[in-house]
Amino acid sequence: VQLVESGGGLVQAGGSLRLSCVASESTFSIAVMGWYRQAPGMQREWVATVDSSTHPTKYADPVKGRFVISKDNAKNTMYLQMNSLKPEDTAVYYCKAVRIGLGTYWGRGTQVTVSS
C-alpha cells in the first residue's frame, strides 16, 4: 500500500487545515488507519486512529476536541480536520495504514507549521 499525504502548510494560531491521505489500494482492505506527527528533535507521536470496519475513532489527549479523523472508503482517502491550531501542533504529519498479517505502511509526511 502506498500512502500520499497532502494539505499541510503554514497557518496562524487558531486557524484550520485539513490533511488528506490517499491510499493506492482500497481502504476496505486496511484494518486501521491513523495519523502521527513528529516535531523537530522529538519522537514520532500518535495523533488519531480510525478503525476500518466500524469506524470508531480515537484521539491523543493534546488534540482531543480540536482534530477530527475520518475516512472515505469510496475515495480510498483518510482525512484529518485540524481546528484551533496551536504552535505546538507544528510537525510533519504522517499517515499510517495497518493490514492485518500483511504489514504496516507509512506515507512520506506533510509539513504543518503553526505561527503564533
PDB file of N, CA and C in Angstrom:
ATOM      1  N   VAL A   1       0.851  -1.183   0.000  1.00  0.00           N
ATOM      2  CA  VAL A   1       0.000   0.000   0.000  1.00  0.00           C
ATOM      3  C   VAL A   1       0.895   1.244   0.000  1.00  0.00           C
ATOM      4  N   GLN A   2       0.632   2.123  -0.924  1.00  0.00           N
ATOM      5  CA  GLN A   2       1.335   3.408  -0.928  1.00  0.00           C
ATOM      6  C   GLN A   2       0.392   4.476  -0.405  1.00  0.00           C
ATOM      7  N   LEU A   3       0.936   5.351   0.427  1.00  0.00           N
ATOM      8  CA  LEU A   3       0.149   6.401   1.061  1.00  0.00           C
ATOM      9  C   LEU A   3       0.753   7.750   0.707  1.00  0.00           C
ATOM     10  N   VAL A   4      -0.078   8.691   0.311  1.00  0.00           N
ATOM     11  CA  VAL A   4       0.396  10.021  -0.047  1.00  0.00           C
ATOM     12  C   VAL A   4      -0.407  11.061   0.725  1.00  0.00           C
ATOM     13  N   GLU A   5       0.308  11.811   1.558  1.00  0.00           N
ATOM     14  CA  GLU A   5      -0.328  12.865   2.340  1.00  0.00           C
ATOM     15  C   GLU A   5      -0.288  14.194   1.588  1.00  0.00           C
ATOM     16  N   SER A   6      -1.258  15.037   1.885  1.00  0.00           N
ATOM     17  CA  SER A   6      -1.279  16.392   1.338  1.00  0.00           C
ATOM     18  C   SER A   6      -2.098  17.275   2.266  1.00  0.00           C
ATOM     19  N   GLY A   7      -2.037  18.583   2.022  1.00  0.00           N
ATOM     20  CA  GLY A   7      -2.860  19.505   2.782  1.00  0.00           C
ATOM     21  C   GLY A   7      -2.124  20.293   3.848  1.00  0.00           C
ATOM     22  N   GLY A   8      -0.855  19.984   4.050  1.00  0.00           N
ATOM     23  CA  GLY A   8      -0.100  20.734   5.030  1.00  0.00           C
ATOM     24  C   GLY A   8       0.192  22.146   4.554  1.00  0.00           C
ATOM     25  N   GLY A   9       0.732  22.957   5.453  1.00  0.00           N
ATOM     26  CA  GLY A   9       1.069  24.321   5.085  1.00  0.00           C
ATOM     27  C   GLY A   9       1.334  25.168   6.300  1.00  0.00           C
ATOM     28  N   LEU A  10       1.366  26.461   6.070  1.00  0.00           N
ATOM     29  CA  LEU A  10       1.595  27.442   7.126  1.00  0.00           C
ATOM     30  C   LEU A  10       0.271  28.103   7.478  1.00  0.00           C
ATOM     31  N   VAL A  11      -0.035  28.134   8.764  1.00  0.00           N
ATOM     32  CA  VAL A  11      -1.287  28.721   9.221  1.00  0.00           C
ATOM     33  C   VAL A  11      -1.048  29.448  10.536  1.00  0.00           C
ATOM     34  N   GLN A  12      -1.830  30.470  10.788  1.00  0.00           N
ATOM     35  CA  GLN A  12      -1.708  31.185  12.053  1.00  0.00           C
ATOM     36  C   GLN A  12      -2.397  30.414  13.176  1.00  0.00           C
ATOM     37  N   ALA A  13      -1.965  30.643  14.380  1.00  0.00           N
ATOM     38  CA  ALA A  13      -2.601  30.010  15.535  1.00  0.00           C
ATOM     39  C   ALA A  13      -4.099  30.335  15.538  1.00  0.00           C
ATOM     40  N   GLY A  14      -4.888  29.309  15.841  1.00  0.00           N
ATOM     41  CA  GLY A  14      -6.332  29.467  15.810  1.00  0.00           C
ATOM     42  C   GLY A  14      -6.957  29.076  14.486  1.00  0.00           C
ATOM     43  N   GLY A  15      -6.130  28.894  13.478  1.00  0.00           N
ATOM     44  CA  GLY A  15      -6.626  28.541  12.162  1.00  0.00           C
ATOM     45  C   GLY A  15      -6.887  27.051  12.009  1.00  0.00           C
ATOM     46  N   SER A  16      -7.231  26.667  10.771  1.00  0.00           N
ATOM     47  CA  SER A  16      -7.582  25.281  10.479  1.00  0.00           C
ATOM     48  C   SER A  16      -6.866  24.789   9.227  1.00  0.00           C
ATOM     49  N   LEU A  17      -6.655  23.494   9.180  1.00  0.00           N
ATOM     50  CA  LEU A  17      -6.143  22.821   7.997  1.00  0.00           C
ATOM     51  C   LEU A  17      -6.818  21.454   7.901  1.00  0.00           C
ATOM     52  N   ARG A  18      -6.926  20.946   6.681  1.00  0.00           N
ATOM     53  CA  ARG A  18      -7.416  19.583   6.507  1.00  0.00           C
ATOM     54  C   ARG A  18      -6.376  18.782   5.748  1.00  0.00           C
ATOM     55  N   LEU A  19      -5.876  17.759   6.378  1.00  0.00           N
ATOM     56  CA  LEU A  19      -4.918  16.862   5.747  1.00  0.00           C
ATOM     57  C   LEU A  19      -5.651  15.714   5.075  1.00  0.00           C
ATOM     58  N   SER A  20      -5.070  15.240   3.982  1.00  0.00           N
ATOM     59  CA  SER A  20      -5.618  14.080   3.273  1.00  0.00           C
ATOM     60  C   SER A  20      -4.532  13.027   3.123  1.00  0.00           C
ATOM     61  N   CYS A  21      -4.944  11.788   3.124  1.00  0.00           N
ATOM     62  CA  CYS A  21      -4.039  10.666   2.895  1.00  0.00           C
ATOM     63  C   CYS A  21      -4.726   9.732   1.905  1.00  0.00           C
ATOM     64  N   VAL A  22      -4.173   9.662   0.709  1.00  0.00           N
ATOM     65  CA  VAL A  22      -4.737   8.814  -0.329  1.00  0.00           C
ATOM     66  C   VAL A  22      -3.976   7.497  -0.387  1.00  0.00           C
ATOM     67  N   ALA A  23      -4.711   6.395  -0.332  1.00  0.00           N
ATOM     68  CA  ALA A  23      -4.106   5.060  -0.385  1.00  0.00           C
ATOM     69  C   ALA A  23      -4.172   4.507  -1.799  1.00  0.00           C
ATOM     70  N   SER A  24      -3.148   3.734  -2.157  1.00  0.00           N
ATOM     71  CA  SER A  24      -3.090   3.166  -3.507  1.00  0.00           C
ATOM     72  C   SER A  24      -4.009   1.964  -3.667  1.00  0.00           C
ATOM     73  N   GLU A  25      -4.496   1.435  -2.551  1.00  0.00           N
ATOM     74  CA  GLU A  25      -5.415   0.310  -2.600  1.00  0.00           C
ATOM     75  C   GLU A  25      -6.680   0.644  -1.816  1.00  0.00           C
ATOM     76  N   SER A  26      -7.674  -0.180  -2.000  1.00  0.00           N
ATOM     77  CA  SER A  26      -8.936   0.073  -1.327  1.00  0.00           C
ATOM     78  C   SER A  26      -8.754   0.110   0.185  1.00  0.00           C
ATOM     79  N   THR A  27      -9.286   1.137   0.797  1.00  0.00           N
ATOM     80  CA  THR A  27      -9.186   1.242   2.256  1.00  0.00           C
ATOM     81  C   THR A  27     -10.082   0.224   2.955  1.00  0.00           C
ATOM     82  N   PHE A  28     -10.917  -0.467   2.195  1.00  0.00           N
ATOM     83  CA  PHE A  28     -11.688  -1.562   2.785  1.00  0.00           C
ATOM     84  C   PHE A  28     -10.761  -2.667   3.279  1.00  0.00           C
ATOM     85  N   SER A  29      -9.596  -2.792   2.620  1.00  0.00           N
ATOM     86  CA  SER A  29      -8.663  -3.862   2.970  1.00  0.00           C
ATOM     87  C   SER A  29      -7.710  -3.467   4.084  1.00  0.00           C
ATOM     88  N   ILE A  30      -7.822  -2.253   4.570  1.00  0.00           N
ATOM     89  CA  ILE A  30      -6.920  -1.748   5.606  1.00  0.00           C
ATOM     90  C   ILE A  30      -7.644  -1.776   6.944  1.00  0.00           C
ATOM     91  N   ALA A  31      -7.052  -2.492   7.915  1.00  0.00           N
ATOM     92  CA  ALA A  31      -7.737  -2.678   9.189  1.00  0.00           C
ATOM     93  C   ALA A  31      -7.825  -1.381   9.988  1.00  0.00           C
ATOM     94  N   VAL A  32      -6.708  -0.694  10.059  1.00  0.00           N
ATOM     95  CA  VAL A  32      -6.650   0.525  10.860  1.00  0.00           C
ATOM     96  C   VAL A  32      -5.840   1.573  10.103  1.00  0.00           C
ATOM     97  N   MET A  33      -6.299   2.797  10.135  1.00  0.00           N
ATOM     98  CA  MET A  33      -5.528   3.906   9.583  1.00  0.00           C
ATOM     99  C   MET A  33      -5.390   4.980  10.649  1.00  0.00           C
ATOM    100  N   GLY A  34      -4.286   5.699  10.584  1.00  0.00           N
ATOM    101  CA  GLY A  34      -4.092   6.717  11.596  1.00  0.00           C
ATOM    102  C   GLY A  34      -3.152   7.815  11.162  1.00  0.00           C
ATOM    103  N   TRP A  35      -3.119   8.846  11.966  1.00  0.00           N
ATOM    104  CA  TRP A  35      -2.209   9.971  11.775  1.00  0.00           C
ATOM    105  C   TRP A  35      -1.217  10.026  12.936  1.00  0.00           C
ATOM    106  N   TYR A  36       0.015  10.300  12.595  1.00  0.00           N
ATOM    107  CA  TYR A  36       1.081  10.507  13.563  1.00  0.00           C
ATOM    108  C   TYR A  36       1.769  11.823  13.205  1.00  0.00           C
ATOM    109  N   ARG A  37       2.553  12.349  14.123  1.00  0.00           N
ATOM    110  CA  ARG A  37       3.299  13.570  13.847  1.00  0.00           C
ATOM    111  C   ARG A  37       4.652  13.530  14.536  1.00  0.00           C
ATOM    112  N   GLN A  38       5.577  14.280  13.953  1.00  0.00           N
ATOM    113  CA  GLN A  38       6.916  14.348  14.510  1.00  0.00           C
ATOM    114  C   GLN A  38       7.416  15.777  14.433  1.00  0.00           C
ATOM    115  N   ALA A  39       7.620  16.363  15.598  1.00  0.00           N
ATOM    116  CA  ALA A  39       8.168  17.709  15.679  1.00  0.00           C
ATOM    117  C   ALA A  39       9.688  17.631  15.666  1.00  0.00           C
ATOM    118  N   PRO A  40      10.369  18.706  15.300  1.00  0.00           N
ATOM    119  CA  PRO A  40      11.833  18.694  15.262  1.00  0.00           C
ATOM    120  C   PRO A  40      12.435  18.288  16.606  1.00  0.00           C
ATOM    121  N   GLY A  41      13.336  17.323  16.565  1.00  0.00           N
ATOM    122  CA  GLY A  41      14.007  16.886  17.780  1.00  0.00           C
ATOM    123  C   GLY A  41      13.175  16.000  18.690  1.00  0.00           C
ATOM    124  N   MET A  42      11.980  15.648  18.235  1.00  0.00           N
ATOM    125  CA  MET A  42      11.077  14.849  19.064  1.00  0.00           C
ATOM    126  C   MET A  42      10.808  13.511  18.396  1.00  0.00           C
ATOM    127  N   GLN A  43      10.331  12.560  19.192  1.00  0.00           N
ATOM    128  CA  GLN A  43       9.932  11.277  18.631  1.00  0.00           C
ATOM    129  C   GLN A  43       8.572  11.405  17.954  1.00  0.00           C
ATOM    130  N   ARG A  44       8.346  10.517  17.005  1.00  0.00           N
ATOM    131  CA  ARG A  44       7.048  10.492  16.348  1.00  0.00           C
ATOM    132  C   ARG A  44       5.982  10.094  17.369  1.00  0.00           C
ATOM    133  N   GLU A  45       4.853  10.798  17.339  1.00  0.00           N
ATOM    134  CA  GLU A  45       3.802  10.507  18.294  1.00  0.00           C
ATOM    135  C   GLU A  45       2.472  10.269  17.578  1.00  0.00           C
ATOM    136  N   TRP A  46       1.656   9.461  18.198  1.00  0.00           N
ATOM    137  CA  TRP A  46       0.336   9.139  17.668  1.00  0.00           C
ATOM    138  C   TRP A  46      -0.592  10.331  17.853  1.00  0.00           C
ATOM    139  N   VAL A  47      -1.426  10.584  16.842  1.00  0.00           N
ATOM    140  CA  VAL A  47      -2.382  11.683  16.884  1.00  0.00           C
ATOM    141  C   VAL A  47      -3.815  11.159  16.944  1.00  0.00           C
ATOM    142  N   ALA A  48      -4.164  10.295  15.978  1.00  0.00           N
ATOM    143  CA  ALA A  48      -5.546   9.812  15.905  1.00  0.00           C
ATOM    144  C   ALA A  48      -5.610   8.540  15.070  1.00  0.00           C
ATOM    145  N   THR A  49      -6.641   7.759  15.317  1.00  0.00           N
ATOM    146  CA  THR A  49      -6.819   6.482  14.626  1.00  0.00           C
ATOM    147  C   THR A  49      -8.283   6.307  14.241  1.00  0.00           C
ATOM    148  N   VAL A  50      -8.510   5.691  13.088  1.00  0.00           N
ATOM    149  CA  VAL A  50      -9.858   5.306  12.691  1.00  0.00           C
ATOM    150  C   VAL A  50      -9.834   3.839  12.297  1.00  0.00           C
ATOM    151  N   ASP A  51     -10.778   3.088  12.858  1.00  0.00           N
ATOM    152  CA  ASP A  51     -10.874   1.669  12.545  1.00  0.00           C
ATOM    153  C   ASP A  51     -11.602   1.506  11.221  1.00  0.00           C
ATOM    154  N   SER A  52     -11.145   0.553  10.417  1.00  0.00           N
ATOM    155  CA  SER A  52     -11.689   0.416   9.079  1.00  0.00           C
ATOM    156  C   SER A  52     -13.109  -0.132   9.052  1.00  0.00           C
ATOM    157  N   SER A  53     -13.379  -1.091   9.913  1.00  0.00           N
ATOM    158  CA  SER A  53     -14.648  -1.805   9.779  1.00  0.00           C
ATOM    159  C   SER A  53     -15.815  -1.030  10.360  1.00  0.00           C
ATOM    160  N   THR A  54     -15.659  -0.567  11.575  1.00  0.00           N
ATOM    161  CA  THR A  54     -16.784   0.073  12.250  1.00  0.00           C
ATOM    162  C   THR A  54     -16.600   1.575  12.407  1.00  0.00           C
ATOM    163  N   HIS A  55     -15.442   2.076  11.995  1.00  0.00           N
ATOM    164  CA  HIS A  55     -15.122   3.498  12.028  1.00  0.00           C
ATOM    165  C   HIS A  55     -15.115   4.158  13.392  1.00  0.00           C
ATOM    166  N   PRO A  56     -14.836   3.437  14.469  1.00  0.00           N
ATOM    167  CA  PRO A  56     -14.649   4.170  15.721  1.00  0.00           C
ATOM    168  C   PRO A  56     -13.347   4.961  15.657  1.00  0.00           C
ATOM    169  N   THR A  57     -13.303   6.065  16.344  1.00  0.00           N
ATOM    170  CA  THR A  57     -12.135   6.927  16.306  1.00  0.00           C
ATOM    171  C   THR A  57     -11.552   7.101  17.700  1.00  0.00           C
ATOM    172  N   LYS A  58     -10.260   7.325  17.718  1.00  0.00           N
ATOM    173  CA  LYS A  58      -9.557   7.599  18.965  1.00  0.00           C
ATOM    174  C   LYS A  58      -8.613   8.763  18.741  1.00  0.00           C
ATOM    175  N   TYR A  59      -8.381   9.545  19.800  1.00  0.00           N
ATOM    176  CA  TYR A  59      -7.537  10.719  19.701  1.00  0.00           C
ATOM    177  C   TYR A  59      -6.574  10.807  20.871  1.00  0.00           C
ATOM    178  N   ALA A  60      -5.400  11.334  20.585  1.00  0.00           N
ATOM    179  CA  ALA A  60      -4.461  11.650  21.653  1.00  0.00           C
ATOM    180  C   ALA A  60      -4.988  12.859  22.426  1.00  0.00           C
ATOM    181  N   ASP A  61      -4.686  12.910  23.699  1.00  0.00           N
ATOM    182  CA  ASP A  61      -5.215  13.979  24.544  1.00  0.00           C
ATOM    183  C   ASP A  61      -4.902  15.383  24.023  1.00  0.00           C
ATOM    184  N   PRO A  62      -3.698  15.658  23.507  1.00  0.00           N
ATOM    185  CA  PRO A  62      -3.390  17.026  23.072  1.00  0.00           C
ATOM    186  C   PRO A  62      -4.277  17.548  21.932  1.00  0.00           C
ATOM    187  N   VAL A  63      -4.902  16.636  21.174  1.00  0.00           N
ATOM    188  CA  VAL A  63      -5.700  17.070  20.021  1.00  0.00           C
ATOM    189  C   VAL A  63      -7.187  16.816  20.212  1.00  0.00           C
ATOM    190  N   LYS A  64      -7.550  16.158  21.279  1.00  0.00           N
ATOM    191  CA  LYS A  64      -8.945  15.803  21.507  1.00  0.00           C
ATOM    192  C   LYS A  64      -9.803  17.063  21.574  1.00  0.00           C
ATOM    193  N   GLY A  65     -10.902  17.049  20.824  1.00  0.00           N
ATOM    194  CA  GLY A  65     -11.787  18.206  20.802  1.00  0.00           C
ATOM    195  C   GLY A  65     -11.423  19.230  19.747  1.00  0.00           C
ATOM    196  N   ARG A  66     -10.240  19.105  19.148  1.00  0.00           N
ATOM    197  CA  ARG A  66      -9.821  20.052  18.105  1.00  0.00           C
ATOM    198  C   ARG A  66      -9.651  19.383  16.742  1.00  0.00           C
ATOM    199  N   PHE A  67      -9.233  18.137  16.725  1.00  0.00           N
ATOM    200  CA  PHE A  67      -8.990  17.410  15.480  1.00  0.00           C
ATOM    201  C   PHE A  67     -10.084  16.367  15.270  1.00  0.00           C
ATOM    202  N   VAL A  68     -10.397  16.129  14.001  1.00  0.00           N
ATOM    203  CA  VAL A  68     -11.376  15.106  13.644  1.00  0.00           C
ATOM    204  C   VAL A  68     -10.802  14.235  12.537  1.00  0.00           C
ATOM    205  N   ILE A  69     -10.740  12.932  12.784  1.00  0.00           N
ATOM    206  CA  ILE A  69     -10.259  11.984  11.787  1.00  0.00           C
ATOM    207  C   ILE A  69     -11.467  11.337  11.115  1.00  0.00           C
ATOM    208  N   SER A  70     -11.349  11.127   9.812  1.00  0.00           N
ATOM    209  CA  SER A  70     -12.446  10.484   9.090  1.00  0.00           C
ATOM    210  C   SER A  70     -11.870   9.734   7.896  1.00  0.00           C
ATOM    211  N   LYS A  71     -12.724   8.920   7.296  1.00  0.00           N
ATOM    212  CA  LYS A  71     -12.264   8.105   6.172  1.00  0.00           C
ATOM    213  C   LYS A  71     -13.384   7.965   5.158  1.00  0.00           C
ATOM    214  N   ASP A  72     -13.025   8.076   3.898  1.00  0.00           N
ATOM    215  CA  ASP A  72     -13.977   7.898   2.802  1.00  0.00           C
ATOM    216  C   ASP A  72     -13.505   6.711   1.972  1.00  0.00           C
ATOM    217  N   ASN A  73     -14.106   5.556   2.212  1.00  0.00           N
ATOM    218  CA  ASN A  73     -13.660   4.345   1.512  1.00  0.00           C
ATOM    219  C   ASN A  73     -13.893   4.432  -0.002  1.00  0.00           C
ATOM    220  N   ALA A  74     -14.883   5.178  -0.415  1.00  0.00           N
ATOM    221  CA  ALA A  74     -15.152   5.315  -1.849  1.00  0.00           C
ATOM    222  C   ALA A  74     -14.021   6.044  -2.559  1.00  0.00           C
ATOM    223  N   LYS A  75     -13.298   6.874  -1.823  1.00  0.00           N
ATOM    224  CA  LYS A  75     -12.188   7.644  -2.396  1.00  0.00           C
ATOM    225  C   LYS A  75     -10.836   7.123  -1.942  1.00  0.00           C
ATOM    226  N   ASN A  76     -10.827   6.035  -1.162  1.00  0.00           N
ATOM    227  CA  ASN A  76      -9.572   5.493  -0.610  1.00  0.00           C
ATOM    228  C   ASN A  76      -8.771   6.573   0.109  1.00  0.00           C
ATOM    229  N   THR A  77      -9.450   7.407   0.838  1.00  0.00           N
ATOM    230  CA  THR A  77      -8.820   8.571   1.441  1.00  0.00           C
ATOM    231  C   THR A  77      -9.193   8.710   2.908  1.00  0.00           C
ATOM    232  N   MET A  78      -8.196   9.063   3.688  1.00  0.00           N
ATOM    233  CA  MET A  78      -8.403   9.392   5.093  1.00  0.00           C
ATOM    234  C   MET A  78      -8.112  10.882   5.277  1.00  0.00           C
ATOM    235  N   TYR A  79      -8.816  11.503   6.205  1.00  0.00           N
ATOM    236  CA  TYR A  79      -8.666  12.933   6.440  1.00  0.00           C
ATOM    237  C   TYR A  79      -8.337  13.212   7.902  1.00  0.00           C
ATOM    238  N   LEU A  80      -7.754  14.370   8.107  1.00  0.00           N
ATOM    239  CA  LEU A  80      -7.588  14.893   9.456  1.00  0.00           C
ATOM    240  C   LEU A  80      -7.942  16.370   9.410  1.00  0.00           C
ATOM    241  N   GLN A  81      -9.092  16.694   9.948  1.00  0.00           N
ATOM    242  CA  GLN A  81      -9.508  18.100  10.062  1.00  0.00           C
ATOM    243  C   GLN A  81      -8.920  18.653  11.351  1.00  0.00           C
ATOM    244  N   MET A  82      -8.105  19.675  11.218  1.00  0.00           N
ATOM    245  CA  MET A  82      -7.421  20.248  12.367  1.00  0.00           C
ATOM    246  C   MET A  82      -7.931  21.658  12.587  1.00  0.00           C
ATOM    247  N   ASN A  83      -8.544  21.889  13.727  1.00  0.00           N
ATOM    248  CA  ASN A  83      -9.094  23.194  14.078  1.00  0.00           C
ATOM    249  C   ASN A  83      -8.387  23.752  15.308  1.00  0.00           C
ATOM    250  N   SER A  84      -8.547  25.036  15.514  1.00  0.00           N
ATOM    251  CA  SER A  84      -7.940  25.705  16.677  1.00  0.00           C
ATOM    252  C   SER A  84      -6.470  25.326  16.815  1.00  0.00           C
ATOM    253  N   LEU A  85      -5.759  25.436  15.733  1.00  0.00           N
ATOM    254  CA  LEU A  85      -4.362  25.014  15.735  1.00  0.00           C
ATOM    255  C   LEU A  85      -3.513  25.870  16.648  1.00  0.00           C
ATOM    256  N   LYS A  86      -2.523  25.215  17.249  1.00  0.00           N
ATOM    257  CA  LYS A  86      -1.601  25.851  18.181  1.00  0.00           C
ATOM    258  C   LYS A  86      -0.174  25.704  17.653  1.00  0.00           C
ATOM    259  N   PRO A  87       0.723  26.600  18.060  1.00  0.00           N
ATOM    260  CA  PRO A  87       2.119  26.459  17.623  1.00  0.00           C
ATOM    261  C   PRO A  87       2.698  25.083  17.954  1.00  0.00           C
ATOM    262  N   GLU A  88       2.269  24.492  19.041  1.00  0.00           N
ATOM    263  CA  GLU A  88       2.798  23.175  19.423  1.00  0.00           C
ATOM    264  C   GLU A  88       2.279  22.046  18.524  1.00  0.00           C
ATOM    265  N   ASP A  89       1.359  22.356  17.619  1.00  0.00           N
ATOM    266  CA  ASP A  89       0.929  21.374  16.629  1.00  0.00           C
ATOM    267  C   ASP A  89       1.888  21.319  15.436  1.00  0.00           C
ATOM    268  N   THR A  90       2.847  22.213  15.401  1.00  0.00           N
ATOM    269  CA  THR A  90       3.811  22.227  14.309  1.00  0.00           C
ATOM    270  C   THR A  90       4.598  20.924  14.269  1.00  0.00           C
ATOM    271  N   ALA A  91       4.577  20.270  13.123  1.00  0.00           N
ATOM    272  CA  ALA A  91       5.224  18.965  12.980  1.00  0.00           C
ATOM    273  C   ALA A  91       5.054  18.486  11.542  1.00  0.00           C
ATOM    274  N   VAL A  92       5.760  17.433  11.222  1.00  0.00           N
ATOM    275  CA  VAL A  92       5.470  16.688   9.994  1.00  0.00           C
ATOM    276  C   VAL A  92       4.421  15.638  10.358  1.00  0.00           C
ATOM    277  N   TYR A  93       3.336  15.616   9.603  1.00  0.00           N
ATOM    278  CA  TYR A  93       2.243  14.695   9.873  1.00  0.00           C
ATOM    279  C   TYR A  93       2.317  13.523   8.900  1.00  0.00           C
ATOM    280  N   TYR A  94       2.244  12.323   9.459  1.00  0.00           N
ATOM    281  CA  TYR A  94       2.367  11.103   8.686  1.00  0.00           C
ATOM    282  C   TYR A  94       1.090  10.285   8.754  1.00  0.00           C
ATOM    283  N   CYS A  95       0.800   9.643   7.645  1.00  0.00           N
ATOM    284  CA  CYS A  95      -0.320   8.722   7.545  1.00  0.00           C
ATOM    285  C   CYS A  95       0.213   7.297   7.719  1.00  0.00           C
ATOM    286  N   LYS A  96      -0.538   6.482   8.435  1.00  0.00           N
ATOM    287  CA  LYS A  96      -0.145   5.093   8.677  1.00  0.00           C
ATOM    288  C   LYS A  96      -1.319   4.176   8.389  1.00  0.00           C
ATOM    289  N   ALA A  97      -1.011   3.041   7.781  1.00  0.00           N
ATOM    290  CA  ALA A  97      -2.043   2.037   7.496  1.00  0.00           C
ATOM    291  C   ALA A  97      -1.563   0.668   7.959  1.00  0.00           C
ATOM    292  N   VAL A  98      -2.462  -0.094   8.548  1.00  0.00           N
ATOM    293  CA  VAL A  98      -2.132  -1.434   9.035  1.00  0.00           C
ATOM    294  C   VAL A  98      -3.045  -2.445   8.352  1.00  0.00           C
ATOM    295  N   ARG A  99      -2.422  -3.405   7.678  1.00  0.00           N
ATOM    296  CA  ARG A  99      -3.167  -4.519   7.099  1.00  0.00           C
ATOM    297  C   ARG A  99      -2.813  -5.755   7.910  1.00  0.00           C
ATOM    298  N   ILE A 100      -3.758  -6.312   8.584  1.00  0.00           N
ATOM    299  CA  ILE A 100      -3.520  -7.427   9.499  1.00  0.00           C
ATOM    300  C   ILE A 100      -2.840  -8.569   8.756  1.00  0.00           C
ATOM    301  N   GLY A 101      -1.692  -8.984   9.285  1.00  0.00           N
ATOM    302  CA  GLY A 101      -0.956 -10.103   8.709  1.00  0.00           C
ATOM    303  C   GLY A 101      -0.138  -9.753   7.476  1.00  0.00           C
ATOM    304  N   LEU A 102      -0.253  -8.509   7.007  1.00  0.00           N
ATOM    305  CA  LEU A 102       0.452  -8.139   5.775  1.00  0.00           C
ATOM    306  C   LEU A 102       1.482  -7.051   5.991  1.00  0.00           C
ATOM    307  N   GLY A 103       1.251  -6.176   6.938  1.00  0.00           N
ATOM    308  CA  GLY A 103       2.259  -5.170   7.199  1.00  0.00           C
ATOM    309  C   GLY A 103       1.710  -3.825   7.608  1.00  0.00           C
ATOM    310  N   THR A 104       2.667  -2.952   7.922  1.00  0.00           N
ATOM    311  CA  THR A 104       2.370  -1.575   8.312  1.00  0.00           C
ATOM    312  C   THR A 104       3.010  -0.653   7.297  1.00  0.00           C
ATOM    313  N   TYR A 105       2.280   0.360   6.888  1.00  0.00           N
ATOM    314  CA  TYR A 105       2.731   1.243   5.816  1.00  0.00           C
ATOM    315  C   TYR A 105       2.667   2.699   6.275  1.00  0.00           C
ATOM    316  N   TRP A 106       3.642   3.476   5.784  1.00  0.00           N
ATOM    317  CA  TRP A 106       3.725   4.892   6.137  1.00  0.00           C
ATOM    318  C   TRP A 106       3.811   5.745   4.884  1.00  0.00           C
ATOM    319  N   GLY A 107       3.234   6.936   4.967  1.00  0.00           N
ATOM    320  CA  GLY A 107       3.445   7.921   3.929  1.00  0.00           C
ATOM    321  C   GLY A 107       4.717   8.698   4.198  1.00  0.00           C
ATOM    322  N   ARG A 108       5.025   9.646   3.325  1.00  0.00           N
ATOM    323  CA  ARG A 108       6.261  10.425   3.474  1.00  0.00           C
ATOM    324  C   ARG A 108       6.069  11.657   4.338  1.00  0.00           C
ATOM    325  N   GLY A 109       4.842  12.003   4.625  1.00  0.00           N
ATOM    326  CA  GLY A 109       4.577  13.111   5.521  1.00  0.00           C
ATOM    327  C   GLY A 109       4.263  14.422   4.819  1.00  0.00           C
ATOM    328  N   THR A 110       3.595  15.285   5.552  1.00  0.00           N
ATOM    329  CA  THR A 110       3.294  16.637   5.072  1.00  0.00           C
ATOM    330  C   THR A 110       3.546  17.606   6.230  1.00  0.00           C
ATOM    331  N   GLN A 111       4.203  18.713   5.932  1.00  0.00           N
ATOM    332  CA  GLN A 111       4.601  19.661   6.969  1.00  0.00           C
ATOM    333  C   GLN A 111       3.445  20.573   7.345  1.00  0.00           C
ATOM    334  N   VAL A 112       3.232  20.701   8.632  1.00  0.00           N
ATOM    335  CA  VAL A 112       2.268  21.655   9.182  1.00  0.00           C
ATOM    336  C   VAL A 112       3.031  22.611  10.085  1.00  0.00           C
ATOM    337  N   THR A 113       2.912  23.898   9.799  1.00  0.00           N
ATOM    338  CA  THR A 113       3.574  24.913  10.605  1.00  0.00           C
ATOM    339  C   THR A 113       2.533  25.903  11.094  1.00  0.00           C
ATOM    340  N   VAL A 114       2.477  26.084  12.402  1.00  0.00           N
ATOM    341  CA  VAL A 114       1.515  26.997  13.007  1.00  0.00           C
ATOM    342  C   VAL A 114       2.286  28.153  13.635  1.00  0.00           C
ATOM    343  N   SER A 115       2.038  29.352  13.156  1.00  0.00           N
ATOM    344  CA  SER A 115       2.736  30.530  13.664  1.00  0.00           C
ATOM    345  C   SER A 115       1.930  31.175  14.795  1.00  0.00           C
ATOM    346  N   SER A 116       2.648  31.764  15.723  1.00  0.00           N
ATOM    347  CA  SER A 116       1.983  32.390  16.884  1.00  0.00           C
ATOM    348  C   SER A 116       1.642  33.837  16.603  1.00  0.00           C
TER     349      SER A 116
END
